[in-house]
């Protein structure tokens, strides 16, 4: 189960743990909620061990939506991690 925490002072949405397909809606809702209420948002995935493809897709889609509405989003992840590979697969 993933932990999703918003750190308002940093405008950072921190997601940690294992992101299974069940977390897709929660990740989407969090990105859309916090991304629409601020000019910028950092999504910190450095604490995510594994991410389901459904969550990665929901994340990318919701980031696209809030960026289209004017929010600048930065996604942090560990290089060459499972998360990094999952996100790169979506951009092929």
N, C-alpha and C. Protein backbone atom coordinates (compact mmCIF):
# COMPACT_ATOMS: atom_id res chain seq x y z
N UNK A 1 0.84 -1.18 0.00
CA UNK A 1 0.00 0.00 0.00
C UNK A 1 0.89 1.25 0.00
N UNK A 2 0.48 2.20 -0.77
CA UNK A 2 1.26 3.44 -0.90
C UNK A 2 0.82 4.47 0.14
N UNK A 3 1.76 5.29 0.52
CA UNK A 3 1.48 6.43 1.39
C UNK A 3 1.55 7.68 0.52
N UNK A 4 0.52 8.51 0.58
CA UNK A 4 0.46 9.74 -0.21
C UNK A 4 0.31 10.90 0.75
N UNK A 5 1.31 11.78 0.76
CA UNK A 5 1.33 12.90 1.71
C UNK A 5 1.66 14.18 0.95
N UNK A 6 0.89 15.24 1.22
CA UNK A 6 1.17 16.53 0.61
C UNK A 6 1.87 17.41 1.64
N UNK A 7 3.02 17.96 1.27
CA UNK A 7 3.78 18.86 2.12
C UNK A 7 3.61 20.26 1.54
N UNK A 8 2.65 20.99 2.09
CA UNK A 8 2.24 22.28 1.53
C UNK A 8 3.32 23.32 1.43
N UNK A 9 4.16 23.42 2.44
CA UNK A 9 5.21 24.44 2.42
C UNK A 9 6.19 24.24 1.27
N UNK A 10 6.36 23.00 0.86
CA UNK A 10 7.27 22.67 -0.24
C UNK A 10 6.54 22.46 -1.56
N UNK A 11 5.22 22.48 -1.50
CA UNK A 11 4.39 22.15 -2.67
C UNK A 11 4.81 20.81 -3.25
N UNK A 12 5.00 19.85 -2.34
CA UNK A 12 5.49 18.53 -2.73
C UNK A 12 4.48 17.46 -2.36
N UNK A 13 4.17 16.62 -3.33
CA UNK A 13 3.33 15.45 -3.12
C UNK A 13 4.28 14.27 -3.03
N UNK A 14 4.39 13.71 -1.83
CA UNK A 14 5.33 12.61 -1.60
C UNK A 14 4.56 11.30 -1.60
N UNK A 15 4.99 10.40 -2.46
CA UNK A 15 4.36 9.08 -2.56
C UNK A 15 5.43 8.06 -2.22
N UNK A 16 5.11 7.12 -1.34
CA UNK A 16 6.09 6.14 -0.90
C UNK A 16 5.44 4.77 -0.76
N UNK A 17 6.27 3.73 -0.79
CA UNK A 17 5.77 2.37 -0.62
C UNK A 17 5.59 1.68 -1.96
N UNK A 18 4.68 0.73 -1.97
CA UNK A 18 4.37 -0.03 -3.17
C UNK A 18 3.08 0.49 -3.77
N UNK A 19 3.13 0.90 -5.02
CA UNK A 19 1.95 1.45 -5.69
C UNK A 19 1.31 0.37 -6.56
N UNK A 20 0.26 -0.24 -6.05
CA UNK A 20 -0.47 -1.26 -6.81
C UNK A 20 -1.55 -0.57 -7.63
N UNK A 21 -2.17 -1.33 -8.50
CA UNK A 21 -3.23 -0.78 -9.36
C UNK A 21 -4.33 -0.12 -8.54
N UNK A 22 -4.55 -0.59 -7.32
CA UNK A 22 -5.60 -0.01 -6.46
C UNK A 22 -5.33 1.45 -6.11
N UNK A 23 -4.08 1.88 -6.17
CA UNK A 23 -3.74 3.27 -5.84
C UNK A 23 -3.90 4.24 -7.01
N UNK A 24 -4.25 3.75 -8.17
CA UNK A 24 -4.36 4.61 -9.36
C UNK A 24 -5.26 5.81 -9.14
N UNK A 25 -6.45 5.59 -8.63
CA UNK A 25 -7.40 6.68 -8.43
C UNK A 25 -6.91 7.66 -7.38
N UNK A 26 -6.31 7.17 -6.31
CA UNK A 26 -5.82 8.05 -5.25
C UNK A 26 -4.68 8.93 -5.75
N UNK A 27 -3.80 8.36 -6.55
CA UNK A 27 -2.68 9.15 -7.11
C UNK A 27 -3.23 10.21 -8.06
N UNK A 28 -4.15 9.81 -8.93
CA UNK A 28 -4.75 10.76 -9.86
C UNK A 28 -5.45 11.90 -9.11
N UNK A 29 -6.25 11.57 -8.12
CA UNK A 29 -6.98 12.59 -7.36
C UNK A 29 -6.03 13.54 -6.64
N UNK A 30 -4.96 13.01 -6.06
CA UNK A 30 -4.01 13.85 -5.33
C UNK A 30 -3.30 14.81 -6.28
N UNK A 31 -2.83 14.32 -7.41
CA UNK A 31 -2.14 15.18 -8.37
C UNK A 31 -3.09 16.26 -8.88
N UNK A 32 -4.30 15.87 -9.24
CA UNK A 32 -5.25 16.85 -9.76
C UNK A 32 -5.64 17.87 -8.70
N UNK A 33 -5.88 17.42 -7.48
CA UNK A 33 -6.27 18.35 -6.40
C UNK A 33 -5.17 19.36 -6.10
N UNK A 34 -3.98 18.88 -5.84
CA UNK A 34 -2.89 19.78 -5.45
C UNK A 34 -2.31 20.52 -6.65
N UNK A 35 -2.33 19.92 -7.82
CA UNK A 35 -1.83 20.59 -9.01
C UNK A 35 -2.71 21.72 -9.48
N UNK A 36 -3.99 21.63 -9.24
CA UNK A 36 -4.91 22.70 -9.67
C UNK A 36 -4.95 23.85 -8.68
N UNK A 37 -4.38 23.65 -7.49
CA UNK A 37 -4.43 24.70 -6.48
C UNK A 37 -3.10 25.43 -6.30
N UNK A 38 -2.12 25.15 -7.17
CA UNK A 38 -0.81 25.78 -7.02
C UNK A 38 -0.18 25.99 -8.40
N UNK A 39 0.72 26.97 -8.50
CA UNK A 39 1.38 27.21 -9.78
C UNK A 39 2.45 26.16 -10.11
N UNK A 40 2.91 25.45 -9.08
CA UNK A 40 3.89 24.39 -9.31
C UNK A 40 3.70 23.28 -8.28
N UNK A 41 4.13 22.10 -8.68
CA UNK A 41 3.98 20.92 -7.82
C UNK A 41 5.15 19.99 -8.09
N UNK A 42 5.73 19.45 -7.03
CA UNK A 42 6.74 18.41 -7.15
C UNK A 42 6.13 17.10 -6.71
N UNK A 43 6.22 16.09 -7.54
CA UNK A 43 5.75 14.76 -7.19
C UNK A 43 7.00 13.94 -6.90
N UNK A 44 7.18 13.57 -5.64
CA UNK A 44 8.37 12.87 -5.18
C UNK A 44 8.08 11.37 -5.11
N UNK A 45 8.68 10.62 -6.02
CA UNK A 45 8.49 9.18 -6.08
C UNK A 45 9.73 8.42 -5.60
N UNK A 46 10.67 9.13 -4.95
CA UNK A 46 11.92 8.49 -4.55
C UNK A 46 11.71 7.41 -3.50
N UNK A 47 10.58 7.43 -2.81
CA UNK A 47 10.28 6.42 -1.80
C UNK A 47 9.42 5.28 -2.31
N UNK A 48 9.16 5.25 -3.61
CA UNK A 48 8.32 4.19 -4.19
C UNK A 48 9.22 3.04 -4.61
N UNK A 49 8.91 1.85 -4.09
CA UNK A 49 9.70 0.66 -4.42
C UNK A 49 9.28 0.09 -5.78
N UNK A 50 7.99 -0.08 -5.97
CA UNK A 50 7.47 -0.58 -7.24
C UNK A 50 6.20 0.18 -7.58
N UNK A 51 5.92 0.26 -8.88
CA UNK A 51 4.74 0.99 -9.33
C UNK A 51 4.05 0.18 -10.42
N UNK A 52 2.76 -0.02 -10.26
CA UNK A 52 1.99 -0.73 -11.28
C UNK A 52 1.85 0.15 -12.52
N UNK A 53 1.76 -0.47 -13.67
CA UNK A 53 1.64 0.30 -14.91
C UNK A 53 0.39 1.18 -14.89
N UNK A 54 -0.67 0.74 -14.23
CA UNK A 54 -1.90 1.54 -14.12
C UNK A 54 -1.65 2.83 -13.34
N UNK A 55 -0.83 2.75 -12.31
CA UNK A 55 -0.51 3.94 -11.51
C UNK A 55 0.38 4.89 -12.32
N UNK A 56 1.36 4.33 -13.00
CA UNK A 56 2.23 5.16 -13.83
C UNK A 56 1.41 5.89 -14.90
N UNK A 57 0.48 5.19 -15.53
CA UNK A 57 -0.38 5.81 -16.54
C UNK A 57 -1.27 6.90 -15.94
N UNK A 58 -1.84 6.62 -14.78
CA UNK A 58 -2.69 7.60 -14.10
C UNK A 58 -1.88 8.83 -13.71
N UNK A 59 -0.66 8.62 -13.25
CA UNK A 59 0.21 9.73 -12.88
C UNK A 59 0.52 10.61 -14.08
N UNK A 60 0.96 10.01 -15.16
CA UNK A 60 1.32 10.77 -16.36
C UNK A 60 0.11 11.51 -16.92
N UNK A 61 -1.02 10.86 -16.95
CA UNK A 61 -2.25 11.49 -17.46
C UNK A 61 -2.68 12.68 -16.60
N UNK A 62 -2.63 12.50 -15.29
CA UNK A 62 -3.05 13.60 -14.40
C UNK A 62 -2.04 14.74 -14.43
N UNK A 63 -0.76 14.45 -14.57
CA UNK A 63 0.25 15.50 -14.70
C UNK A 63 -0.01 16.28 -15.99
N UNK A 64 -0.29 15.57 -17.08
CA UNK A 64 -0.61 16.26 -18.33
C UNK A 64 -1.80 17.20 -18.17
N UNK A 65 -2.82 16.74 -17.44
CA UNK A 65 -4.02 17.55 -17.22
C UNK A 65 -3.73 18.82 -16.44
N UNK A 66 -2.98 18.70 -15.34
CA UNK A 66 -2.72 19.90 -14.53
C UNK A 66 -1.73 20.83 -15.21
N UNK A 67 -0.82 20.28 -15.99
CA UNK A 67 0.09 21.15 -16.73
C UNK A 67 -0.67 21.93 -17.80
N UNK A 68 -1.65 21.30 -18.42
CA UNK A 68 -2.48 22.00 -19.41
C UNK A 68 -3.27 23.14 -18.76
N UNK A 69 -3.54 22.99 -17.45
CA UNK A 69 -4.27 24.03 -16.71
C UNK A 69 -3.34 25.09 -16.13
N UNK A 70 -2.01 24.94 -16.36
CA UNK A 70 -1.08 25.98 -15.95
C UNK A 70 -0.15 25.66 -14.80
N UNK A 71 -0.21 24.47 -14.26
CA UNK A 71 0.69 24.09 -13.16
C UNK A 71 1.96 23.46 -13.73
N UNK A 72 3.10 23.89 -13.22
CA UNK A 72 4.37 23.29 -13.63
C UNK A 72 4.68 22.13 -12.68
N UNK A 73 4.87 20.94 -13.23
CA UNK A 73 5.06 19.74 -12.41
C UNK A 73 6.46 19.16 -12.64
N UNK A 74 7.11 18.82 -11.54
CA UNK A 74 8.39 18.13 -11.57
C UNK A 74 8.20 16.77 -10.92
N UNK A 75 8.66 15.72 -11.58
CA UNK A 75 8.57 14.37 -11.02
C UNK A 75 9.98 13.93 -10.62
N UNK A 76 10.15 13.61 -9.35
CA UNK A 76 11.42 13.11 -8.84
C UNK A 76 11.34 11.59 -8.68
N UNK A 77 12.38 10.90 -9.16
CA UNK A 77 12.45 9.46 -8.98
C UNK A 77 13.91 9.05 -9.02
N UNK A 78 14.19 7.89 -8.47
CA UNK A 78 15.56 7.39 -8.48
C UNK A 78 15.91 6.90 -9.88
N UNK A 79 17.06 7.30 -10.35
CA UNK A 79 17.52 6.91 -11.68
C UNK A 79 17.69 5.39 -11.76
N UNK A 80 17.23 4.84 -12.88
CA UNK A 80 17.33 3.40 -13.17
C UNK A 80 16.55 2.53 -12.18
N UNK A 81 15.62 3.11 -11.47
CA UNK A 81 14.77 2.35 -10.55
C UNK A 81 13.60 1.74 -11.32
N UNK A 82 12.84 0.92 -10.64
CA UNK A 82 11.63 0.34 -11.24
C UNK A 82 10.68 1.46 -11.68
N UNK A 83 10.56 2.48 -10.87
CA UNK A 83 9.68 3.62 -11.19
C UNK A 83 10.19 4.34 -12.43
N UNK A 84 11.48 4.60 -12.49
CA UNK A 84 12.07 5.27 -13.64
C UNK A 84 11.81 4.48 -14.92
N UNK A 85 12.01 3.17 -14.87
CA UNK A 85 11.78 2.33 -16.05
C UNK A 85 10.30 2.33 -16.45
N UNK A 86 9.41 2.28 -15.47
CA UNK A 86 7.97 2.28 -15.78
C UNK A 86 7.55 3.58 -16.46
N UNK A 87 8.07 4.71 -15.97
CA UNK A 87 7.72 5.99 -16.58
C UNK A 87 8.34 6.14 -17.97
N UNK A 88 9.55 5.64 -18.13
CA UNK A 88 10.19 5.71 -19.45
C UNK A 88 9.44 4.86 -20.47
N UNK A 89 8.90 3.74 -20.05
CA UNK A 89 8.13 2.88 -20.95
C UNK A 89 6.93 3.61 -21.54
N UNK A 90 6.35 4.51 -20.78
CA UNK A 90 5.18 5.26 -21.25
C UNK A 90 5.54 6.27 -22.31
N UNK A 91 6.81 6.64 -22.38
CA UNK A 91 7.23 7.65 -23.34
C UNK A 91 7.90 7.07 -24.59
N UNK A 92 7.80 5.78 -24.77
CA UNK A 92 8.39 5.14 -25.96
C UNK A 92 7.47 5.27 -27.13
